[in-house]
Amino acid sequence: MSHTSTGHEVLAVVFQVRQLSTKKPQLSVLLWERAMEPQRGAWSLPGGRLRHDEDMTSSVRRQLAEKVDLRELAHLEQLAVFSDPDRVPGPRTIASTFLGLVPSPATPELPPDTRWHPVSALPPMAFDHGPMVTNAHARLIAKLSYTNIGFALAPKEFALSTLRDIYSAALGHPVDATNLQRVLERRNVITRTGTTARSGRSGGRPAALYRFTESRYRVTDEFAALRPPG
């Protein structure tokens, strides 16, 4: 099949750790339900066509704001290019994907056709958007090991137990809070605020609060890996 022209679209894989106050926080991805053919009713990544008068980063920010009213991104970066000639019906369209992160406990107001879905239980996805989510999750897992990207998922101040839950949800396996503290303090990724959290109903010693030393992305140990226990 020949193609006479090639279009370009930008798609955002936006993650947030949801249900952070429960026993089972979940890494979730933002999806919208297609209302028209092709693949009506399937769930898609937000985004769309790249306009001739904008760069890709500006385009994906514009489309997130216009289409799903999302402006609370703590981190956004280009990830991958999907260029199979028949990835979507009609004229050939190349897709560039972006990784976007929303910190907890932000609660962006979303349109009725847009929802957060657990990465571990994705609904039927349109076109090649499922593999795009898988690719972005793998990149996030890697970046949590060798960069300070956790700042884009965490509250401004947090107890170590909260940070452990965020890393566990994002990595997909349990993380020991003491080991995580040791690793991140050694790399100067987190620091104590000098304050403590409010005591819970059970009383006990208030937990020390921490913050990320920077809210700008940086590599901390390019050869590091946070591995599953055992």
C-alpha atoms as a PDB file:
ATOM      1  CA  MET A   1       0.000   0.000   0.000  1.00  0.00           C
ATOM      2  CA  SER A   2       1.509   3.341  -0.998  1.00  0.00           C
ATOM      3  CA  HIS A   3       1.226   6.543   0.999  1.00  0.00           C
ATOM      4  CA  THR A   4       1.404   9.928  -0.644  1.00  0.00           C
ATOM      5  CA  SER A   5       1.773  11.967   2.531  1.00  0.00           C
ATOM      6  CA  THR A   6       2.817  11.520   6.130  1.00  0.00           C
ATOM      7  CA  GLY A   7       1.160  13.142   9.116  1.00  0.00           C
ATOM      8  CA  HIS A   8       2.605  13.601  12.580  1.00  0.00           C
ATOM      9  CA  GLU A   9       0.784  13.380  15.899  1.00  0.00           C
ATOM     10  CA  VAL A  10       1.912  13.839  19.488  1.00  0.00           C
ATOM     11  CA  LEU A  11       0.499  11.630  22.254  1.00  0.00           C
ATOM     12  CA  ALA A  12       0.967  11.964  26.004  1.00  0.00           C
ATOM     13  CA  VAL A  13       1.343   9.070  28.427  1.00  0.00           C
ATOM     14  CA  VAL A  14       0.458  10.848  31.676  1.00  0.00           C
ATOM     15  CA  PHE A  15       0.994   8.949  34.928  1.00  0.00           C
ATOM     16  CA  GLN A  16      -0.053   9.655  38.510  1.00  0.00           C
ATOM     17  CA  VAL A  17       0.043   7.505  41.632  1.00  0.00           C
ATOM     18  CA  ARG A  18      -3.604   7.405  42.704  1.00  0.00           C
ATOM     19  CA  GLN A  19      -5.301   6.247  45.918  1.00  0.00           C
ATOM     20  CA  LEU A  20      -2.203   7.207  47.867  1.00  0.00           C
ATOM     21  CA  SER A  21      -4.127   7.338  51.153  1.00  0.00           C
ATOM     22  CA  THR A  22      -5.300   3.705  50.800  1.00  0.00           C
ATOM     23  CA  LYS A  23      -3.520   0.411  51.361  1.00  0.00           C
ATOM     24  CA  LYS A  24      -3.137  -0.120  47.616  1.00  0.00           C
ATOM     25  CA  PRO A  25      -1.863   2.983  45.791  1.00  0.00           C
ATOM     26  CA  GLN A  26      -1.887   2.475  42.030  1.00  0.00           C
ATOM     27  CA  LEU A  27       0.078   3.938  39.182  1.00  0.00           C
ATOM     28  CA  SER A  28      -2.593   5.152  36.772  1.00  0.00           C
ATOM     29  CA  VAL A  29      -2.587   6.549  33.240  1.00  0.00           C
ATOM     30  CA  LEU A  30      -4.862   9.222  31.801  1.00  0.00           C
ATOM     31  CA  LEU A  31      -7.059   8.006  28.919  1.00  0.00           C
ATOM     32  CA  TRP A  32     -10.043   9.329  26.980  1.00  0.00           C
ATOM     33  CA  GLU A  33     -12.791   7.276  25.368  1.00  0.00           C
ATOM     34  CA  ARG A  34     -13.157   7.599  21.608  1.00  0.00           C
ATOM     35  CA  ALA A  35     -16.620   8.848  20.616  1.00  0.00           C
ATOM     36  CA  MET A  36     -16.207   8.339  16.849  1.00  0.00           C
ATOM     37  CA  GLU A  37     -14.930   5.729  14.431  1.00  0.00           C
ATOM     38  CA  PRO A  38     -12.473   4.237  13.898  1.00  0.00           C
ATOM     39  CA  GLN A  39     -12.440   2.159  17.092  1.00  0.00           C
ATOM     40  CA  ARG A  40     -15.276   4.024  18.764  1.00  0.00           C
ATOM     41  CA  GLY A  41     -15.444   3.198  22.478  1.00  0.00           C
ATOM     42  CA  ALA A  42     -11.761   2.249  22.743  1.00  0.00           C
ATOM     43  CA  TRP A  43      -9.562   4.197  25.127  1.00  0.00           C
ATOM     44  CA  SER A  44      -6.858   6.478  23.761  1.00  0.00           C
ATOM     45  CA  LEU A  45      -3.953   8.575  24.893  1.00  0.00           C
ATOM     46  CA  PRO A  46      -4.618  12.321  24.842  1.00  0.00           C
ATOM     47  CA  GLY A  47      -3.020  14.246  22.008  1.00  0.00           C
ATOM     48  CA  GLY A  48      -3.482  14.814  18.304  1.00  0.00           C
ATOM     49  CA  ARG A  49      -2.066  16.313  15.151  1.00  0.00           C
ATOM     50  CA  LEU A  50       1.044  18.463  15.222  1.00  0.00           C
ATOM     51  CA  ARG A  51       0.295  21.849  13.721  1.00  0.00           C
ATOM     52  CA  HIS A  52       2.686  23.374  11.220  1.00  0.00           C
ATOM     53  CA  ASP A  53       3.262  26.422  13.460  1.00  0.00           C
ATOM     54  CA  GLU A  54       4.284  24.642  16.702  1.00  0.00           C
ATOM     55  CA  ASP A  55       7.025  22.423  18.065  1.00  0.00           C
ATOM     56  CA  MET A  56       6.130  19.030  19.571  1.00  0.00           C
ATOM     57  CA  THR A  57       6.445  20.007  23.237  1.00  0.00           C
ATOM     58  CA  SER A  58       4.263  23.067  22.764  1.00  0.00           C
ATOM     59  CA  SER A  59       1.762  20.943  20.854  1.00  0.00           C
ATOM     60  CA  VAL A  60       1.400  18.267  23.507  1.00  0.00           C
ATOM     61  CA  ARG A  61       1.027  20.882  26.264  1.00  0.00           C
ATOM     62  CA  ARG A  62      -1.614  22.712  24.227  1.00  0.00           C
ATOM     63  CA  GLN A  63      -3.572  19.559  23.518  1.00  0.00           C
ATOM     64  CA  LEU A  64      -3.486  18.377  27.123  1.00  0.00           C
ATOM     65  CA  ALA A  65      -4.854  21.749  28.189  1.00  0.00           C
ATOM     66  CA  GLU A  66      -7.480  21.984  25.447  1.00  0.00           C
ATOM     67  CA  LYS A  67      -8.702  18.401  25.258  1.00  0.00           C
ATOM     68  CA  VAL A  68      -8.512  17.102  28.834  1.00  0.00           C
ATOM     69  CA  ASP A  69      -7.955  20.366  30.740  1.00  0.00           C
ATOM     70  CA  LEU A  70      -4.708  19.083  32.262  1.00  0.00           C
ATOM     71  CA  ARG A  71      -2.186  21.751  33.257  1.00  0.00           C
ATOM     72  CA  GLU A  72      -0.669  20.326  36.460  1.00  0.00           C
ATOM     73  CA  LEU A  73       2.309  18.528  34.946  1.00  0.00           C
ATOM     74  CA  ALA A  74       5.429  18.391  37.092  1.00  0.00           C
ATOM     75  CA  HIS A  75       7.477  16.751  34.334  1.00  0.00           C
ATOM     76  CA  LEU A  76       7.158  16.321  30.561  1.00  0.00           C
ATOM     77  CA  GLU A  77       9.653  14.808  28.144  1.00  0.00           C
ATOM     78  CA  GLN A  78       9.666  13.214  24.709  1.00  0.00           C
ATOM     79  CA  LEU A  79      10.045   9.441  24.776  1.00  0.00           C
ATOM     80  CA  ALA A  80       9.691   7.473  21.542  1.00  0.00           C
ATOM     81  CA  VAL A  81       8.565   7.490  17.917  1.00  0.00           C
ATOM     82  CA  PHE A  82       6.047   4.952  16.584  1.00  0.00           C
ATOM     83  CA  SER A  83       6.262   4.781  12.802  1.00  0.00           C
ATOM     84  CA  ASP A  84       4.673   1.554  11.546  1.00  0.00           C
ATOM     85  CA  PRO A  85       3.175   2.527   8.157  1.00  0.00           C
ATOM     86  CA  ASP A  86      -0.198   0.991   9.072  1.00  0.00           C
ATOM     87  CA  ARG A  87      -0.405   1.907  12.751  1.00  0.00           C
ATOM     88  CA  VAL A  88      -3.628   3.889  12.113  1.00  0.00           C
ATOM     89  CA  PRO A  89      -6.172   3.739   9.261  1.00  0.00           C
ATOM     90  CA  GLY A  90      -5.886   6.230   6.415  1.00  0.00           C
ATOM     91  CA  PRO A  91      -2.842   8.330   5.500  1.00  0.00           C
ATOM     92  CA  ARG A  92       0.390   7.324   7.159  1.00  0.00           C
ATOM     93  CA  THR A  93       0.785   9.014  10.558  1.00  0.00           C
ATOM     94  CA  ILE A  94       3.897   8.952  12.718  1.00  0.00           C
ATOM     95  CA  ALA A  95       3.390   9.353  16.469  1.00  0.00           C
ATOM     96  CA  SER A  96       5.798  10.876  18.970  1.00  0.00           C
ATOM     97  CA  THR A  97       5.048   9.950  22.567  1.00  0.00           C
ATOM     98  CA  PHE A  98       5.699  12.047  25.655  1.00  0.00           C
ATOM     99  CA  LEU A  99       5.964  11.038  29.300  1.00  0.00           C
ATOM    100  CA  GLY A 100       4.003  13.321  31.613  1.00  0.00           C
ATOM    101  CA  LEU A 101       3.854  13.096  35.401  1.00  0.00           C
ATOM    102  CA  VAL A 102       1.275  14.557  37.775  1.00  0.00           C
ATOM    103  CA  PRO A 103       2.214  14.735  41.487  1.00  0.00           C
ATOM    104  CA  SER A 104       0.065  13.361  44.269  1.00  0.00           C
ATOM    105  CA  PRO A 105      -2.285  14.461  45.652  1.00  0.00           C
ATOM    106  CA  ALA A 106      -3.226  16.792  42.766  1.00  0.00           C
ATOM    107  CA  THR A 107      -6.792  16.196  41.562  1.00  0.00           C
ATOM    108  CA  PRO A 108      -7.182  17.722  38.092  1.00  0.00           C
ATOM    109  CA  GLU A 109     -10.762  18.212  36.942  1.00  0.00           C
ATOM    110  CA  LEU A 110     -11.325  16.044  33.877  1.00  0.00           C
ATOM    111  CA  PRO A 111     -13.965  15.997  31.123  1.00  0.00           C
ATOM    112  CA  PRO A 112     -16.630  13.243  31.367  1.00  0.00           C
ATOM    113  CA  ASP A 113     -14.957  11.139  28.658  1.00  0.00           C
ATOM    114  CA  THR A 114     -11.558  11.145  30.389  1.00  0.00           C
ATOM    115  CA  ARG A 115     -10.502   8.935  33.296  1.00  0.00           C
ATOM    116  CA  TRP A 116      -7.524   7.567  35.201  1.00  0.00           C
ATOM    117  CA  HIS A 117      -6.979   3.823  34.648  1.00  0.00           C
ATOM    118  CA  PRO A 118      -4.614   1.568  36.628  1.00  0.00           C
ATOM    119  CA  VAL A 119      -1.624   0.618  34.505  1.00  0.00           C
ATOM    120  CA  SER A 120      -1.997  -2.944  35.784  1.00  0.00           C
ATOM    121  CA  ALA A 121      -5.550  -3.204  34.374  1.00  0.00           C
ATOM    122  CA  LEU A 122      -5.758  -1.257  31.127  1.00  0.00           C
ATOM    123  CA  PRO A 123      -9.089  -1.189  29.256  1.00  0.00           C
ATOM    124  CA  PRO A 124      -9.343  -2.031  25.516  1.00  0.00           C
ATOM    125  CA  MET A 125      -6.975   0.438  23.859  1.00  0.00           C
ATOM    126  CA  ALA A 126      -7.135   2.053  20.430  1.00  0.00           C
ATOM    127  CA  PHE A 127      -4.521   1.433  17.733  1.00  0.00           C
ATOM    128  CA  ASP A 128      -1.019   0.995  19.227  1.00  0.00           C
ATOM    129  CA  HIS A 129      -1.680   3.034  22.375  1.00  0.00           C
ATOM    130  CA  GLY A 130      -1.357   0.004  24.675  1.00  0.00           C
ATOM    131  CA  PRO A 131       2.292  -0.618  23.691  1.00  0.00           C
ATOM    132  CA  MET A 132       2.907   3.106  24.111  1.00  0.00           C
ATOM    133  CA  VAL A 133       1.789   2.902  27.745  1.00  0.00           C
ATOM    134  CA  THR A 134       3.980  -0.169  28.282  1.00  0.00           C
ATOM    135  CA  ASN A 135       6.977   1.606  26.760  1.00  0.00           C
ATOM    136  CA  ALA A 136       6.441   4.719  28.894  1.00  0.00           C
ATOM    137  CA  HIS A 137       6.054   2.684  32.073  1.00  0.00           C
ATOM    138  CA  ALA A 138       9.311   0.849  31.372  1.00  0.00           C
ATOM    139  CA  ARG A 139      11.075   4.179  30.881  1.00  0.00           C
ATOM    140  CA  LEU A 140       9.613   5.547  34.114  1.00  0.00           C
ATOM    141  CA  ILE A 141      10.815   2.470  36.025  1.00  0.00           C
ATOM    142  CA  ALA A 142      14.323   2.957  34.659  1.00  0.00           C
ATOM    143  CA  LYS A 143      14.348   6.680  35.398  1.00  0.00           C
ATOM    144  CA  LEU A 144      13.235   6.138  39.003  1.00  0.00           C
ATOM    145  CA  SER A 145      16.448   4.161  39.456  1.00  0.00           C
ATOM    146  CA  TYR A 146      19.001   6.574  38.011  1.00  0.00           C
ATOM    147  CA  THR A 147      17.391  10.035  38.251  1.00  0.00           C
ATOM    148  CA  ASN A 148      15.482  12.180  40.748  1.00  0.00           C
ATOM    149  CA  ILE A 149      12.251  11.949  38.729  1.00  0.00           C
ATOM    150  CA  GLY A 150      10.329  10.876  41.828  1.00  0.00           C
ATOM    151  CA  PHE A 151       9.893  14.587  42.613  1.00  0.00           C
ATOM    152  CA  ALA A 152       7.272  14.742  39.850  1.00  0.00           C
ATOM    153  CA  LEU A 153       5.113  12.053  41.497  1.00  0.00           C
ATOM    154  CA  ALA A 154       5.425  13.043  45.160  1.00  0.00           C
ATOM    155  CA  PRO A 155       3.861  15.768  47.319  1.00  0.00           C
ATOM    156  CA  LYS A 156       6.072  18.736  48.194  1.00  0.00           C
ATOM    157  CA  GLU A 157       6.587  17.264  51.684  1.00  0.00           C
ATOM    158  CA  PHE A 158       6.163  13.618  52.601  1.00  0.00           C
ATOM    159  CA  ALA A 159       6.872  10.936  55.162  1.00  0.00           C
ATOM    160  CA  LEU A 160       9.179   8.123  54.062  1.00  0.00           C
ATOM    161  CA  SER A 161       6.237   5.726  54.180  1.00  0.00           C
ATOM    162  CA  THR A 162       4.451   7.862  51.589  1.00  0.00           C
ATOM    163  CA  LEU A 163       7.502   7.976  49.333  1.00  0.00           C
ATOM    164  CA  ARG A 164       7.857   4.210  49.683  1.00  0.00           C
ATOM    165  CA  ASP A 165       4.249   3.761  48.552  1.00  0.00           C
ATOM    166  CA  ILE A 166       4.807   6.027  45.536  1.00  0.00           C
ATOM    167  CA  TYR A 167       7.941   4.187  44.439  1.00  0.00           C
ATOM    168  CA  SER A 168       6.317   0.785  45.047  1.00  0.00           C
ATOM    169  CA  ALA A 169       3.287   1.701  42.929  1.00  0.00           C
ATOM    170  CA  ALA A 170       5.373   3.158  40.111  1.00  0.00           C
ATOM    171  CA  LEU A 171       7.950   0.348  40.070  1.00  0.00           C
ATOM    172  CA  GLY A 172       5.373  -2.427  40.409  1.00  0.00           C
ATOM    173  CA  HIS A 173       7.097  -4.161  43.310  1.00  0.00           C
ATOM    174  CA  PRO A 174       7.536  -3.576  47.071  1.00  0.00           C
ATOM    175  CA  VAL A 175      10.202  -1.117  48.199  1.00  0.00           C
ATOM    176  CA  ASP A 176      11.783  -1.004  51.657  1.00  0.00           C
ATOM    177  CA  ALA A 177      11.488   2.489  53.127  1.00  0.00           C
ATOM    178  CA  THR A 178      14.813   2.321  54.986  1.00  0.00           C
ATOM    179  CA  ASN A 179      16.751   1.204  51.912  1.00  0.00           C
ATOM    180  CA  LEU A 180      15.029   3.833  49.775  1.00  0.00           C
ATOM    181  CA  GLN A 181      15.919   6.537  52.302  1.00  0.00           C
ATOM    182  CA  ARG A 182      19.555   5.453  52.380  1.00  0.00           C
ATOM    183  CA  VAL A 183      19.883   5.393  48.589  1.00  0.00           C
ATOM    184  CA  LEU A 184      18.163   8.736  47.988  1.00  0.00           C
ATOM    185  CA  GLU A 185      19.948  10.551  50.818  1.00  0.00           C
ATOM    186  CA  ARG A 186      23.312   9.266  49.621  1.00  0.00           C
ATOM    187  CA  ARG A 187      22.588  10.738  46.194  1.00  0.00           C
ATOM    188  CA  ASN A 188      21.337  14.008  47.734  1.00  0.00           C
ATOM    189  CA  VAL A 189      17.893  13.453  46.182  1.00  0.00           C
ATOM    190  CA  ILE A 190      15.839  13.970  49.356  1.00  0.00           C
ATOM    191  CA  THR A 191      16.437  15.956  52.515  1.00  0.00           C
ATOM    192  CA  ARG A 192      14.699  16.394  55.865  1.00  0.00           C
ATOM    193  CA  THR A 193      12.482  19.453  56.241  1.00  0.00           C
ATOM    194  CA  GLY A 194      12.990  19.625  60.016  1.00  0.00           C
ATOM    195  CA  THR A 195       9.251  19.197  60.609  1.00  0.00           C
ATOM    196  CA  THR A 196       7.055  16.196  61.363  1.00  0.00           C
ATOM    197  CA  ALA A 197       3.723  14.901  60.148  1.00  0.00           C
ATOM    198  CA  ARG A 198       0.612  15.132  62.260  1.00  0.00           C
ATOM    199  CA  SER A 199       0.056  12.149  64.542  1.00  0.00           C
ATOM    200  CA  GLY A 200      -2.517   9.661  63.317  1.00  0.00           C
ATOM    201  CA  ARG A 201      -5.421   8.270  65.305  1.00  0.00           C
ATOM    202  CA  SER A 202      -3.198   5.543  66.706  1.00  0.00           C
ATOM    203  CA  GLY A 203      -0.829   8.100  68.194  1.00  0.00           C
ATOM    204  CA  GLY A 204       2.844   7.224  68.295  1.00  0.00           C
ATOM    205  CA  ARG A 205       5.877   9.207  67.336  1.00  0.00           C
ATOM    206  CA  PRO A 206       5.193  11.666  64.478  1.00  0.00           C
ATOM    207  CA  ALA A 207       6.988  10.789  61.247  1.00  0.00           C
ATOM    208  CA  ALA A 208       9.762  13.070  60.009  1.00  0.00           C
ATOM    209  CA  LEU A 209       8.946  14.917  56.801  1.00  0.00           C
ATOM    210  CA  TYR A 210      11.183  15.041  53.751  1.00  0.00           C
ATOM    211  CA  ARG A 211      11.264  16.900  50.450  1.00  0.00           C
ATOM    212  CA  PHE A 212      13.130  16.506  47.191  1.00  0.00           C
ATOM    213  CA  THR A 213      16.223  18.714  47.100  1.00  0.00           C
ATOM    214  CA  GLU A 214      15.397  19.772  43.528  1.00  0.00           C
ATOM    215  CA  SER A 215      12.279  19.992  41.410  1.00  0.00           C
ATOM    216  CA  ARG A 216      14.260  19.867  38.197  1.00  0.00           C
ATOM    217  CA  TYR A 217      15.103  16.597  36.474  1.00  0.00           C
ATOM    218  CA  ARG A 218      18.679  15.352  36.816  1.00  0.00           C
ATOM    219  CA  VAL A 219      20.632  12.107  36.549  1.00  0.00           C
ATOM    220  CA  THR A 220      21.865  10.960  39.956  1.00  0.00           C
ATOM    221  CA  ASP A 221      23.543   7.618  39.212  1.00  0.00           C
ATOM    222  CA  GLU A 222      23.486   6.508  35.588  1.00  0.00           C
ATOM    223  CA  PHE A 223      24.260   2.865  36.421  1.00  0.00           C
ATOM    224  CA  ALA A 224      21.797   2.432  39.307  1.00  0.00           C
ATOM    225  CA  ALA A 225      18.800   0.072  39.357  1.00  0.00           C
ATOM    226  CA  LEU A 226      16.091  -0.317  41.997  1.00  0.00           C
ATOM    227  CA  ARG A 227      15.489  -4.060  41.843  1.00  0.00           C
ATOM    228  CA  PRO A 228      12.619  -6.173  43.232  1.00  0.00           C
ATOM    229  CA  PRO A 229      13.341  -7.823  46.595  1.00  0.00           C
ATOM    230  CA  GLY A 230      14.405 -11.435  46.826  1.00  0.00           C
END
